[in-house]
């Protein structure tokens, strides 16, 4: 870990101003906000992240989960994962989110990790975390060691010749299926970004993972009110039962009427370079009967564009079965 400057902010404007006005920012050096630190500090110890300034935002007033007048939900960026997972409204109205959070990390990490930090969680690709290896995400232009290396756990959707790293978050998959909106405050003001647009595909710039500009601060996340009768499920398949990242996961938010899908949203994890919203699967299910053959058709549509690497071809079938089973679970009482 390299030497860095540490400061605390008492409000969002102060944090943003400190980041924007720092002489180091003007020189293009890294400035990072820290809350739980469960990802950032790990990467700093590995010298993957080397910020020259770290701004502690734990004093900011973004640690509440609040019901909105329209029936939706507002989640502060500093809400801890454990608190969010066990919130009664989340458990009853957004079960997929609670299930996703509880399937991730360990209890100790969930007590520290925050909503905003989880949105910014970085890949677990071994080559990204090893500074002795080439990685375009860590050092643009250096190459992607994973393409010709060990890639069993890496992405099969949304990849490019420059990067095949997966987004590791469970929470982000659930939020994608719930069509969350990310609220951002920065030097240029405030803006709202749909979660599907928040994350970027690697393309030729894998080091750019989201739409945040330097100094931008995530303040909160909002979820729309669930339509009456909606059921949601998160299913995660992994090598071991705890403290493990997904080989494949599926978040399903479904509304069924008279034995047919009235509305369905699907997102997948463990297989994409970002939390993977499957519009193809949703289209395949639209107004269709709730039956196994339809589920399989949707799963085939979801993985049609998969591009497996040398060691992760098994993920294609695994992801299909994961989504098929998640759809079964989400419609069992329909």
C-alpha atoms as a PDB file:
ATOM      1  CA  UNK A   1       0.000   0.000   0.000  1.00  0.00           C
ATOM      2  CA  UNK A   2       1.302   3.434  -0.914  1.00  0.00           C
ATOM      3  CA  UNK A   3       1.130   6.620   1.151  1.00  0.00           C
ATOM      4  CA  UNK A   4      -2.066   8.641   0.756  1.00  0.00           C
ATOM      5  CA  UNK A   5      -3.783  11.667   2.246  1.00  0.00           C
ATOM      6  CA  UNK A   6      -6.879  10.988   4.376  1.00  0.00           C
ATOM      7  CA  UNK A   7      -9.691  13.499   5.043  1.00  0.00           C
ATOM      8  CA  UNK A   8     -13.264  13.367   6.356  1.00  0.00           C
ATOM      9  CA  UNK A   9     -16.266  15.106   4.830  1.00  0.00           C
ATOM     10  CA  UNK A  10     -19.276  16.354   6.807  1.00  0.00           C
ATOM     11  CA  UNK A  11     -21.617  16.839   3.831  1.00  0.00           C
ATOM     12  CA  UNK A  12     -21.829  15.864   0.170  1.00  0.00           C
ATOM     13  CA  UNK A  13     -20.880  19.293  -1.148  1.00  0.00           C
ATOM     14  CA  UNK A  14     -17.742  19.312   0.985  1.00  0.00           C
ATOM     15  CA  UNK A  15     -16.766  15.837  -0.228  1.00  0.00           C
ATOM     16  CA  UNK A  16     -17.308  16.714  -3.881  1.00  0.00           C
ATOM     17  CA  UNK A  17     -15.556  20.039  -3.538  1.00  0.00           C
ATOM     18  CA  UNK A  18     -12.578  18.401  -1.827  1.00  0.00           C
ATOM     19  CA  UNK A  19     -12.294  15.903  -4.650  1.00  0.00           C
ATOM     20  CA  UNK A  20     -12.697  18.488  -7.401  1.00  0.00           C
ATOM     21  CA  UNK A  21     -10.406  21.152  -5.949  1.00  0.00           C
ATOM     22  CA  UNK A  22      -7.572  18.940  -4.791  1.00  0.00           C
ATOM     23  CA  UNK A  23      -4.283  19.738  -6.558  1.00  0.00           C
ATOM     24  CA  UNK A  24      -3.867  16.000  -7.084  1.00  0.00           C
ATOM     25  CA  UNK A  25      -7.192  15.845  -8.954  1.00  0.00           C
ATOM     26  CA  UNK A  26      -6.004  18.545 -11.296  1.00  0.00           C
ATOM     27  CA  UNK A  27      -2.930  16.447 -12.018  1.00  0.00           C
ATOM     28  CA  UNK A  28      -5.113  13.454 -12.898  1.00  0.00           C
ATOM     29  CA  UNK A  29      -4.166  11.428  -9.818  1.00  0.00           C
ATOM     30  CA  UNK A  30      -6.677   9.084  -8.185  1.00  0.00           C
ATOM     31  CA  UNK A  31      -9.010  10.337  -5.467  1.00  0.00           C
ATOM     32  CA  UNK A  32     -11.376   7.860  -3.832  1.00  0.00           C
ATOM     33  CA  UNK A  33     -14.324   8.101  -1.482  1.00  0.00           C
ATOM     34  CA  UNK A  34     -14.383   5.458   1.245  1.00  0.00           C
ATOM     35  CA  UNK A  35     -17.264   4.166   3.401  1.00  0.00           C
ATOM     36  CA  UNK A  36     -17.079   0.477   4.377  1.00  0.00           C
ATOM     37  CA  UNK A  37     -13.854   0.031   2.454  1.00  0.00           C
ATOM     38  CA  UNK A  38     -14.394  -3.702   1.912  1.00  0.00           C
ATOM     39  CA  UNK A  39     -13.265  -3.507  -1.721  1.00  0.00           C
ATOM     40  CA  UNK A  40     -11.173  -0.352  -1.852  1.00  0.00           C
ATOM     41  CA  UNK A  41      -8.856  -1.224   1.036  1.00  0.00           C
ATOM     42  CA  UNK A  42      -8.248  -4.730  -0.314  1.00  0.00           C
ATOM     43  CA  UNK A  43      -7.234  -3.320  -3.682  1.00  0.00           C
ATOM     44  CA  UNK A  44      -5.050  -0.667  -2.063  1.00  0.00           C
ATOM     45  CA  UNK A  45      -3.154  -3.383  -0.176  1.00  0.00           C
ATOM     46  CA  UNK A  46      -2.572  -5.145  -3.501  1.00  0.00           C
ATOM     47  CA  UNK A  47      -1.455  -1.876  -5.142  1.00  0.00           C
ATOM     48  CA  UNK A  48      -4.217  -2.275  -7.708  1.00  0.00           C
ATOM     49  CA  UNK A  49      -5.833   0.907  -6.410  1.00  0.00           C
ATOM     50  CA  UNK A  50      -3.273   3.620  -5.585  1.00  0.00           C
ATOM     51  CA  UNK A  51      -5.191   6.743  -4.611  1.00  0.00           C
ATOM     52  CA  UNK A  52      -3.217   9.755  -3.460  1.00  0.00           C
ATOM     53  CA  UNK A  53      -6.213  11.009  -1.481  1.00  0.00           C
ATOM     54  CA  UNK A  54      -9.004   9.136   0.321  1.00  0.00           C
ATOM     55  CA  UNK A  55     -12.104  11.016   1.490  1.00  0.00           C
ATOM     56  CA  UNK A  56     -14.130   9.376   4.279  1.00  0.00           C
ATOM     57  CA  UNK A  57     -17.873   9.917   3.655  1.00  0.00           C
ATOM     58  CA  UNK A  58     -19.286   7.996   6.615  1.00  0.00           C
ATOM     59  CA  UNK A  59     -20.599  11.196   8.238  1.00  0.00           C
ATOM     60  CA  UNK A  60     -22.874  11.961   5.289  1.00  0.00           C
ATOM     61  CA  UNK A  61     -26.638  11.511   5.910  1.00  0.00           C
ATOM     62  CA  UNK A  62     -27.214   8.646   3.475  1.00  0.00           C
ATOM     63  CA  UNK A  63     -27.708   5.716   5.851  1.00  0.00           C
ATOM     64  CA  UNK A  64     -31.509   5.344   5.741  1.00  0.00           C
ATOM     65  CA  UNK A  65     -34.019   3.186   3.893  1.00  0.00           C
ATOM     66  CA  UNK A  66     -37.190   5.212   3.297  1.00  0.00           C
ATOM     67  CA  UNK A  67     -40.571   4.471   1.752  1.00  0.00           C
ATOM     68  CA  UNK A  68     -41.487   6.990  -0.949  1.00  0.00           C
ATOM     69  CA  UNK A  69     -44.937   8.588  -1.387  1.00  0.00           C
ATOM     70  CA  UNK A  70     -45.443   6.771  -4.708  1.00  0.00           C
ATOM     71  CA  UNK A  71     -44.839   3.399  -3.032  1.00  0.00           C
ATOM     72  CA  UNK A  72     -41.235   3.080  -4.159  1.00  0.00           C
ATOM     73  CA  UNK A  73     -38.159   2.833  -1.974  1.00  0.00           C
ATOM     74  CA  UNK A  74     -35.212   5.160  -1.379  1.00  0.00           C
ATOM     75  CA  UNK A  75     -31.957   3.545  -0.274  1.00  0.00           C
ATOM     76  CA  UNK A  76     -29.122   5.728   0.965  1.00  0.00           C
ATOM     77  CA  UNK A  77     -25.673   5.066  -0.463  1.00  0.00           C
ATOM     78  CA  UNK A  78     -24.313   4.440   3.052  1.00  0.00           C
ATOM     79  CA  UNK A  79     -26.908   1.851   4.056  1.00  0.00           C
ATOM     80  CA  UNK A  80     -25.010  -1.267   5.112  1.00  0.00           C
ATOM     81  CA  UNK A  81     -25.738  -4.437   3.176  1.00  0.00           C
ATOM     82  CA  UNK A  82     -26.869  -6.290   6.310  1.00  0.00           C
ATOM     83  CA  UNK A  83     -29.337  -3.541   7.247  1.00  0.00           C
ATOM     84  CA  UNK A  84     -30.733  -3.445   3.724  1.00  0.00           C
ATOM     85  CA  UNK A  85     -31.097  -7.218   3.503  1.00  0.00           C
ATOM     86  CA  UNK A  86     -33.031  -7.379   6.778  1.00  0.00           C
ATOM     87  CA  UNK A  87     -35.202  -4.301   6.220  1.00  0.00           C
ATOM     88  CA  UNK A  88     -38.868  -5.427   6.533  1.00  0.00           C
ATOM     89  CA  UNK A  89     -40.006  -3.539   3.414  1.00  0.00           C
ATOM     90  CA  UNK A  90     -37.162  -4.977   1.351  1.00  0.00           C
ATOM     91  CA  UNK A  91     -37.927  -8.489   2.570  1.00  0.00           C
ATOM     92  CA  UNK A  92     -41.636  -8.194   1.778  1.00  0.00           C
ATOM     93  CA  UNK A  93     -41.692  -6.073  -1.413  1.00  0.00           C
ATOM     94  CA  UNK A  94     -38.239  -6.621  -2.914  1.00  0.00           C
ATOM     95  CA  UNK A  95     -37.366 -10.153  -1.820  1.00  0.00           C
ATOM     96  CA  UNK A  96     -34.941 -10.599  -4.721  1.00  0.00           C
ATOM     97  CA  UNK A  97     -32.747  -7.849  -3.276  1.00  0.00           C
ATOM     98  CA  UNK A  98     -32.716  -9.290   0.228  1.00  0.00           C
ATOM     99  CA  UNK A  99     -31.913 -12.756  -1.113  1.00  0.00           C
ATOM    100  CA  UNK A 100     -29.100 -11.424  -3.308  1.00  0.00           C
ATOM    101  CA  UNK A 101     -27.484  -9.517  -0.458  1.00  0.00           C
ATOM    102  CA  UNK A 102     -27.660 -12.462   1.919  1.00  0.00           C
ATOM    103  CA  UNK A 103     -26.059 -14.734  -0.670  1.00  0.00           C
ATOM    104  CA  UNK A 104     -22.999 -12.500  -0.937  1.00  0.00           C
ATOM    105  CA  UNK A 105     -19.782 -12.268   1.088  1.00  0.00           C
ATOM    106  CA  UNK A 106     -19.900 -13.046   4.830  1.00  0.00           C
ATOM    107  CA  UNK A 107     -21.935 -11.653   7.698  1.00  0.00           C
ATOM    108  CA  UNK A 108     -18.960  -9.573   8.836  1.00  0.00           C
ATOM    109  CA  UNK A 109     -18.497  -8.017   5.398  1.00  0.00           C
ATOM    110  CA  UNK A 110     -22.228  -7.365   5.007  1.00  0.00           C
ATOM    111  CA  UNK A 111     -22.096  -5.423   8.277  1.00  0.00           C
ATOM    112  CA  UNK A 112     -19.520  -3.071   6.742  1.00  0.00           C
ATOM    113  CA  UNK A 113     -20.225  -2.969   3.000  1.00  0.00           C
ATOM    114  CA  UNK A 114     -22.486  -0.194   1.715  1.00  0.00           C
ATOM    115  CA  UNK A 115     -24.988   0.187  -1.105  1.00  0.00           C
ATOM    116  CA  UNK A 116     -22.844   2.735  -2.925  1.00  0.00           C
ATOM    117  CA  UNK A 117     -19.695   0.702  -2.448  1.00  0.00           C
ATOM    118  CA  UNK A 118     -21.383  -2.443  -3.744  1.00  0.00           C
ATOM    119  CA  UNK A 119     -22.433  -0.590  -6.889  1.00  0.00           C
ATOM    120  CA  UNK A 120     -18.754   0.170  -7.451  1.00  0.00           C
ATOM    121  CA  UNK A 121     -17.441  -3.286  -6.524  1.00  0.00           C
ATOM    122  CA  UNK A 122     -14.654  -4.281  -8.883  1.00  0.00           C
ATOM    123  CA  UNK A 123     -14.013  -7.587 -10.609  1.00  0.00           C
ATOM    124  CA  UNK A 124     -12.461 -10.575  -8.872  1.00  0.00           C
ATOM    125  CA  UNK A 125     -10.503 -11.550 -11.992  1.00  0.00           C
ATOM    126  CA  UNK A 126      -7.172 -12.872 -10.700  1.00  0.00           C
ATOM    127  CA  UNK A 127      -5.222 -11.039 -13.381  1.00  0.00           C
ATOM    128  CA  UNK A 128      -6.778  -7.695 -12.440  1.00  0.00           C
ATOM    129  CA  UNK A 129      -5.710  -8.266  -8.832  1.00  0.00           C
ATOM    130  CA  UNK A 130      -2.140  -9.307  -9.700  1.00  0.00           C
ATOM    131  CA  UNK A 131       0.005  -6.346 -10.702  1.00  0.00           C
ATOM    132  CA  UNK A 132       2.609  -8.665 -12.225  1.00  0.00           C
ATOM    133  CA  UNK A 133       0.158  -9.683 -14.961  1.00  0.00           C
ATOM    134  CA  UNK A 134      -1.123  -7.787 -17.988  1.00  0.00           C
ATOM    135  CA  UNK A 135      -4.629  -6.340 -17.499  1.00  0.00           C
ATOM    136  CA  UNK A 136      -6.279  -3.704 -19.663  1.00  0.00           C
ATOM    137  CA  UNK A 137      -8.711  -2.865 -16.885  1.00  0.00           C
ATOM    138  CA  UNK A 138      -5.913  -2.059 -14.470  1.00  0.00           C
ATOM    139  CA  UNK A 139      -3.367  -0.758 -16.998  1.00  0.00           C
ATOM    140  CA  UNK A 140      -4.949   0.208 -20.354  1.00  0.00           C
ATOM    141  CA  UNK A 141      -3.075  -1.125 -23.347  1.00  0.00           C
ATOM    142  CA  UNK A 142      -1.156  -3.809 -21.482  1.00  0.00           C
ATOM    143  CA  UNK A 143      -3.275  -6.715 -22.739  1.00  0.00           C
ATOM    144  CA  UNK A 144      -5.698  -9.234 -21.237  1.00  0.00           C
ATOM    145  CA  UNK A 145      -3.959 -12.215 -19.653  1.00  0.00           C
ATOM    146  CA  UNK A 146      -7.266 -13.924 -18.949  1.00  0.00           C
ATOM    147  CA  UNK A 147      -8.148 -14.569 -22.588  1.00  0.00           C
ATOM    148  CA  UNK A 148      -5.298 -17.054 -22.972  1.00  0.00           C
ATOM    149  CA  UNK A 149      -5.090 -17.888 -19.275  1.00  0.00           C
ATOM    150  CA  UNK A 150      -7.320 -19.185 -16.481  1.00  0.00           C
ATOM    151  CA  UNK A 151     -10.810 -17.958 -17.326  1.00  0.00           C
ATOM    152  CA  UNK A 152     -13.170 -20.535 -15.814  1.00  0.00           C
ATOM    153  CA  UNK A 153     -14.976 -17.968 -13.645  1.00  0.00           C
ATOM    154  CA  UNK A 154     -15.024 -15.127 -16.167  1.00  0.00           C
ATOM    155  CA  UNK A 155     -17.635 -13.659 -18.503  1.00  0.00           C
ATOM    156  CA  UNK A 156     -19.368 -15.106 -21.539  1.00  0.00           C
ATOM    157  CA  UNK A 157     -21.653 -12.134 -22.261  1.00  0.00           C
ATOM    158  CA  UNK A 158     -20.611  -8.574 -23.100  1.00  0.00           C
ATOM    159  CA  UNK A 159     -16.952  -9.433 -23.533  1.00  0.00           C
ATOM    160  CA  UNK A 160     -14.459  -7.834 -25.913  1.00  0.00           C
ATOM    161  CA  UNK A 161     -10.972  -8.607 -27.171  1.00  0.00           C
ATOM    162  CA  UNK A 162      -9.715  -6.294 -24.436  1.00  0.00           C
ATOM    163  CA  UNK A 163     -11.492  -7.730 -21.371  1.00  0.00           C
ATOM    164  CA  UNK A 164     -13.541 -10.731 -20.221  1.00  0.00           C
ATOM    165  CA  UNK A 165     -13.815  -9.887 -16.513  1.00  0.00           C
ATOM    166  CA  UNK A 166     -17.138 -10.397 -14.730  1.00  0.00           C
ATOM    167  CA  UNK A 167     -18.961  -7.940 -12.495  1.00  0.00           C
ATOM    168  CA  UNK A 168     -18.885  -9.755  -9.117  1.00  0.00           C
ATOM    169  CA  UNK A 169     -21.854  -8.192  -7.308  1.00  0.00           C
ATOM    170  CA  UNK A 170     -25.032 -10.049  -6.350  1.00  0.00           C
ATOM    171  CA  UNK A 171     -26.793  -6.862  -5.238  1.00  0.00           C
ATOM    172  CA  UNK A 172     -26.294  -5.224  -8.630  1.00  0.00           C
ATOM    173  CA  UNK A 173     -27.998  -8.108 -10.417  1.00  0.00           C
ATOM    174  CA  UNK A 174     -31.075  -7.779  -8.206  1.00  0.00           C
ATOM    175  CA  UNK A 175     -31.130  -3.991  -8.595  1.00  0.00           C
ATOM    176  CA  UNK A 176     -30.961  -4.410 -12.362  1.00  0.00           C
ATOM    177  CA  UNK A 177     -34.006  -6.697 -12.381  1.00  0.00           C
ATOM    178  CA  UNK A 178     -35.796  -4.184 -10.122  1.00  0.00           C
ATOM    179  CA  UNK A 179     -34.976  -1.348 -12.570  1.00  0.00           C
ATOM    180  CA  UNK A 180     -33.253   0.780  -9.963  1.00  0.00           C
ATOM    181  CA  UNK A 181     -32.245   4.382 -10.537  1.00  0.00           C
ATOM    182  CA  UNK A 182     -28.837   5.629  -9.340  1.00  0.00           C
ATOM    183  CA  UNK A 183     -28.782   9.201  -8.021  1.00  0.00           C
ATOM    184  CA  UNK A 184     -25.468  11.009  -8.427  1.00  0.00           C
ATOM    185  CA  UNK A 185     -24.128  14.338  -7.220  1.00  0.00           C
ATOM    186  CA  UNK A 186     -21.024  15.908  -8.693  1.00  0.00           C
ATOM    187  CA  UNK A 187     -19.243  19.126  -9.529  1.00  0.00           C
ATOM    188  CA  UNK A 188     -21.664  19.678 -12.438  1.00  0.00           C
ATOM    189  CA  UNK A 189     -24.777  19.121 -10.311  1.00  0.00           C
ATOM    190  CA  UNK A 190     -27.159  16.224  -9.754  1.00  0.00           C
ATOM    191  CA  UNK A 191     -28.314  13.581 -12.204  1.00  0.00           C
ATOM    192  CA  UNK A 192     -30.252  10.308 -12.207  1.00  0.00           C
ATOM    193  CA  UNK A 193     -29.122   7.271 -14.193  1.00  0.00           C
ATOM    194  CA  UNK A 194     -31.033   4.054 -14.828  1.00  0.00           C
ATOM    195  CA  UNK A 195     -28.966   1.138 -13.559  1.00  0.00           C
ATOM    196  CA  UNK A 196     -28.903  -0.493 -16.998  1.00  0.00           C
ATOM    197  CA  UNK A 197     -27.137   2.634 -18.295  1.00  0.00           C
ATOM    198  CA  UNK A 198     -24.922   3.084 -15.227  1.00  0.00           C
ATOM    199  CA  UNK A 199     -22.605   0.163 -16.003  1.00  0.00           C
ATOM    200  CA  UNK A 200     -20.520   0.195 -19.196  1.00  0.00           C
ATOM    201  CA  UNK A 201     -19.415  -2.669 -21.427  1.00  0.00           C
ATOM    202  CA  UNK A 202     -15.631  -3.048 -21.636  1.00  0.00           C
ATOM    203  CA  UNK A 203     -15.282  -2.495 -25.386  1.00  0.00           C
ATOM    204  CA  UNK A 204     -11.871  -0.921 -25.963  1.00  0.00           C
ATOM    205  CA  UNK A 205     -11.932   0.954 -22.629  1.00  0.00           C
ATOM    206  CA  UNK A 206     -12.373  -1.706 -19.903  1.00  0.00           C
ATOM    207  CA  UNK A 207     -10.864   0.634 -17.292  1.00  0.00           C
ATOM    208  CA  UNK A 208     -14.099   2.681 -17.506  1.00  0.00           C
ATOM    209  CA  UNK A 209     -16.692   0.561 -15.696  1.00  0.00           C
ATOM    210  CA  UNK A 210     -19.491   3.079 -15.139  1.00  0.00           C
ATOM    211  CA  UNK A 211     -20.667   6.575 -16.056  1.00  0.00           C
ATOM    212  CA  UNK A 212     -19.241   8.322 -12.983  1.00  0.00           C
ATOM    213  CA  UNK A 213     -16.958  11.279 -13.628  1.00  0.00           C
ATOM    214  CA  UNK A 214     -14.050  12.075 -11.281  1.00  0.00           C
ATOM    215  CA  UNK A 215     -15.457  13.455  -8.035  1.00  0.00           C
ATOM    216  CA  UNK A 216     -18.977  12.114  -8.631  1.00  0.00           C
ATOM    217  CA  UNK A 217     -20.676  10.756  -5.524  1.00  0.00           C
ATOM    218  CA  UNK A 218     -23.534   8.232  -5.435  1.00  0.00           C
ATOM    219  CA  UNK A 219     -26.037   9.591  -2.903  1.00  0.00           C
ATOM    220  CA  UNK A 220     -28.911   7.114  -3.029  1.00  0.00           C
ATOM    221  CA  UNK A 221     -30.755   4.516  -5.084  1.00  0.00           C
ATOM    222  CA  UNK A 222     -34.500   4.435  -5.762  1.00  0.00           C
ATOM    223  CA  UNK A 223     -36.691   1.469  -6.640  1.00  0.00           C
ATOM    224  CA  UNK A 224     -40.116   1.718  -8.278  1.00  0.00           C
ATOM    225  CA  UNK A 225     -43.140   0.386  -6.419  1.00  0.00           C
ATOM    226  CA  UNK A 226     -43.706  -3.288  -7.258  1.00  0.00           C
ATOM    227  CA  UNK A 227     -46.990  -4.001  -9.079  1.00  0.00           C
ATOM    228  CA  UNK A 228     -49.493  -5.918  -6.927  1.00  0.00           C
ATOM    229  CA  UNK A 229     -48.917  -9.655  -7.036  1.00  0.00           C
ATOM    230  CA  UNK A 230     -45.290  -9.406  -8.103  1.00  0.00           C
ATOM    231  CA  UNK A 231     -42.989 -12.172  -6.903  1.00  0.00           C
ATOM    232  CA  UNK A 232     -39.222 -11.990  -7.082  1.00  0.00           C
ATOM    233  CA  UNK A 233     -36.435 -14.553  -6.649  1.00  0.00           C
ATOM    234  CA  UNK A 234     -32.636 -14.583  -6.676  1.00  0.00           C
ATOM    235  CA  UNK A 235     -30.865 -17.866  -7.409  1.00  0.00           C
ATOM    236  CA  UNK A 236     -27.093 -18.168  -7.158  1.00  0.00           C
ATOM    237  CA  UNK A 237     -24.976 -21.117  -8.322  1.00  0.00           C
ATOM    238  CA  UNK A 238     -21.406 -21.286  -7.055  1.00  0.00           C
ATOM    239  CA  UNK A 239     -18.585 -23.665  -6.228  1.00  0.00           C
ATOM    240  CA  UNK A 240     -19.319 -23.692  -2.501  1.00  0.00           C
ATOM    241  CA  UNK A 241     -22.252 -22.713  -0.329  1.00  0.00           C
ATOM    242  CA  UNK A 242     -20.823 -19.597   1.333  1.00  0.00           C
ATOM    243  CA  UNK A 243     -18.398 -16.741   0.788  1.00  0.00           C
ATOM    244  CA  UNK A 244     -18.125 -17.424  -2.930  1.00  0.00           C
ATOM    245  CA  UNK A 245     -18.867 -15.495  -6.095  1.00  0.00           C
ATOM    246  CA  UNK A 246     -21.456 -16.662  -8.611  1.00  0.00           C
ATOM    247  CA  UNK A 247     -20.606 -18.911 -11.513  1.00  0.00           C
ATOM    248  CA  UNK A 248     -24.123 -18.027 -12.622  1.00  0.00           C
ATOM    249  CA  UNK A 249     -27.023 -16.280 -10.956  1.00  0.00           C
ATOM    250  CA  UNK A 250     -30.474 -15.111 -11.967  1.00  0.00           C
ATOM    251  CA  UNK A 251     -32.789 -12.417 -10.614  1.00  0.00           C
ATOM    252  CA  UNK A 252     -36.412 -12.761 -11.687  1.00  0.00           C
ATOM    253  CA  UNK A 253     -39.186 -10.247 -10.972  1.00  0.00           C
ATOM    254  CA  UNK A 254     -42.465 -11.602 -12.318  1.00  0.00           C
ATOM    255  CA  UNK A 255     -46.139 -10.703 -12.354  1.00  0.00           C
ATOM    256  CA  UNK A 256     -48.398 -13.515 -13.522  1.00  0.00           C
ATOM    257  CA  UNK A 257     -52.102 -13.316 -14.400  1.00  0.00           C
ATOM    258  CA  UNK A 258     -54.354 -16.194 -15.510  1.00  0.00           C
ATOM    259  CA  UNK A 259     -51.390 -18.498 -15.931  1.00  0.00           C
ATOM    260  CA  UNK A 260     -49.470 -16.145 -18.211  1.00  0.00           C
ATOM    261  CA  UNK A 261     -46.668 -13.673 -17.742  1.00  0.00           C
ATOM    262  CA  UNK A 262     -48.076 -10.188 -17.461  1.00  0.00           C
ATOM    263  CA  UNK A 263     -44.739  -8.541 -16.655  1.00  0.00           C
ATOM    264  CA  UNK A 264     -41.288 -10.002 -16.125  1.00  0.00           C
ATOM    265  CA  UNK A 265     -37.815  -8.578 -15.599  1.00  0.00           C
ATOM    266  CA  UNK A 266     -34.681 -10.715 -15.740  1.00  0.00           C
ATOM    267  CA  UNK A 267     -31.056 -10.055 -14.869  1.00  0.00           C
ATOM    268  CA  UNK A 268     -28.147 -12.458 -14.687  1.00  0.00           C
ATOM    269  CA  UNK A 269     -24.876 -12.481 -12.757  1.00  0.00           C
ATOM    270  CA  UNK A 270     -21.612 -14.397 -12.959  1.00  0.00           C
ATOM    271  CA  UNK A 271     -21.795 -14.488 -16.756  1.00  0.00           C
ATOM    272  CA  UNK A 272     -21.620 -10.853 -17.864  1.00  0.00           C
ATOM    273  CA  UNK A 273     -19.049  -8.083 -17.858  1.00  0.00           C
ATOM    274  CA  UNK A 274     -21.762  -6.040 -16.143  1.00  0.00           C
ATOM    275  CA  UNK A 275     -24.977  -7.039 -14.334  1.00  0.00           C
ATOM    276  CA  UNK A 276     -26.723  -8.571 -17.326  1.00  0.00           C
ATOM    277  CA  UNK A 277     -30.284  -7.478 -18.107  1.00  0.00           C
ATOM    278  CA  UNK A 278     -31.730 -10.027 -20.515  1.00  0.00           C
ATOM    279  CA  UNK A 279     -34.231  -8.218 -22.698  1.00  0.00           C
ATOM    280  CA  UNK A 280     -34.157 -11.271 -24.991  1.00  0.00           C
ATOM    281  CA  UNK A 281     -35.450 -13.563 -22.250  1.00  0.00           C
ATOM    282  CA  UNK A 282     -38.081 -11.023 -21.221  1.00  0.00           C
ATOM    283  CA  UNK A 283     -39.353 -10.800 -24.794  1.00  0.00           C
ATOM    284  CA  UNK A 284     -39.477 -14.589 -25.059  1.00  0.00           C
ATOM    285  CA  UNK A 285     -41.682 -14.713 -21.932  1.00  0.00           C
ATOM    286  CA  UNK A 286     -44.001 -11.814 -22.776  1.00  0.00           C
ATOM    287  CA  UNK A 287     -47.654 -12.935 -22.470  1.00  0.00           C
ATOM    288  CA  UNK A 288     -46.557 -16.579 -22.634  1.00  0.00           C
ATOM    289  CA  UNK A 289     -47.892 -19.443 -20.546  1.00  0.00           C
ATOM    290  CA  UNK A 290     -46.134 -20.282 -17.309  1.00  0.00           C
ATOM    291  CA  UNK A 291     -44.678 -23.650 -18.264  1.00  0.00           C
ATOM    292  CA  UNK A 292     -41.248 -25.336 -18.427  1.00  0.00           C
ATOM    293  CA  UNK A 293     -40.955 -25.268 -22.218  1.00  0.00           C
ATOM    294  CA  UNK A 294     -41.398 -21.504 -22.206  1.00  0.00           C
ATOM    295  CA  UNK A 295     -38.806 -21.128 -19.459  1.00  0.00           C
ATOM    296  CA  UNK A 296     -36.281 -23.090 -21.521  1.00  0.00           C
ATOM    297  CA  UNK A 297     -37.044 -20.996 -24.599  1.00  0.00           C
ATOM    298  CA  UNK A 298     -36.353 -17.836 -22.597  1.00  0.00           C
ATOM    299  CA  UNK A 299     -33.105 -19.295 -21.242  1.00  0.00           C
ATOM    300  CA  UNK A 300     -31.950 -20.157 -24.746  1.00  0.00           C
ATOM    301  CA  UNK A 301     -32.698 -16.599 -25.841  1.00  0.00           C
ATOM    302  CA  UNK A 302     -30.772 -15.172 -22.885  1.00  0.00           C
ATOM    303  CA  UNK A 303     -27.593 -17.089 -23.794  1.00  0.00           C
ATOM    304  CA  UNK A 304     -27.828 -16.938 -27.576  1.00  0.00           C
ATOM    305  CA  UNK A 305     -25.062 -14.334 -27.815  1.00  0.00           C
ATOM    306  CA  UNK A 306     -22.758 -16.050 -25.309  1.00  0.00           C
ATOM    307  CA  UNK A 307     -19.087 -16.157 -26.278  1.00  0.00           C
ATOM    308  CA  UNK A 308     -17.373 -18.654 -23.954  1.00  0.00           C
ATOM    309  CA  UNK A 309     -13.621 -18.804 -23.508  1.00  0.00           C
ATOM    310  CA  UNK A 310     -11.339 -21.843 -23.305  1.00  0.00           C
ATOM    311  CA  UNK A 311     -12.358 -22.896 -19.780  1.00  0.00           C
ATOM    312  CA  UNK A 312     -15.863 -21.542 -19.188  1.00  0.00           C
ATOM    313  CA  UNK A 313     -18.012 -23.101 -21.901  1.00  0.00           C
ATOM    314  CA  UNK A 314     -19.898 -24.953 -19.153  1.00  0.00           C
ATOM    315  CA  UNK A 315     -21.372 -21.608 -18.076  1.00  0.00           C
ATOM    316  CA  UNK A 316     -23.676 -21.519 -21.103  1.00  0.00           C
ATOM    317  CA  UNK A 317     -25.685 -24.536 -20.001  1.00  0.00           C
ATOM    318  CA  UNK A 318     -25.274 -23.689 -16.308  1.00  0.00           C
ATOM    319  CA  UNK A 319     -26.750 -20.209 -16.856  1.00  0.00           C
ATOM    320  CA  UNK A 320     -29.655 -21.638 -18.841  1.00  0.00           C
ATOM    321  CA  UNK A 321     -30.487 -24.066 -16.043  1.00  0.00           C
ATOM    322  CA  UNK A 322     -30.064 -21.341 -13.433  1.00  0.00           C
ATOM    323  CA  UNK A 323     -32.536 -19.049 -15.186  1.00  0.00           C
ATOM    324  CA  UNK A 324     -34.982 -21.886 -15.875  1.00  0.00           C
ATOM    325  CA  UNK A 325     -35.022 -22.865 -12.204  1.00  0.00           C
ATOM    326  CA  UNK A 326     -35.312 -19.253 -11.037  1.00  0.00           C
ATOM    327  CA  UNK A 327     -38.355 -18.788 -13.287  1.00  0.00           C
ATOM    328  CA  UNK A 328     -39.844 -21.973 -11.823  1.00  0.00           C
ATOM    329  CA  UNK A 329     -39.304 -20.667  -8.286  1.00  0.00           C
ATOM    330  CA  UNK A 330     -40.780 -17.250  -9.108  1.00  0.00           C
ATOM    331  CA  UNK A 331     -43.973 -18.737 -10.545  1.00  0.00           C
ATOM    332  CA  UNK A 332     -44.613 -21.719  -8.293  1.00  0.00           C
ATOM    333  CA  UNK A 333     -47.736 -20.208  -6.729  1.00  0.00           C
ATOM    334  CA  UNK A 334     -49.003 -18.651  -9.976  1.00  0.00           C
END
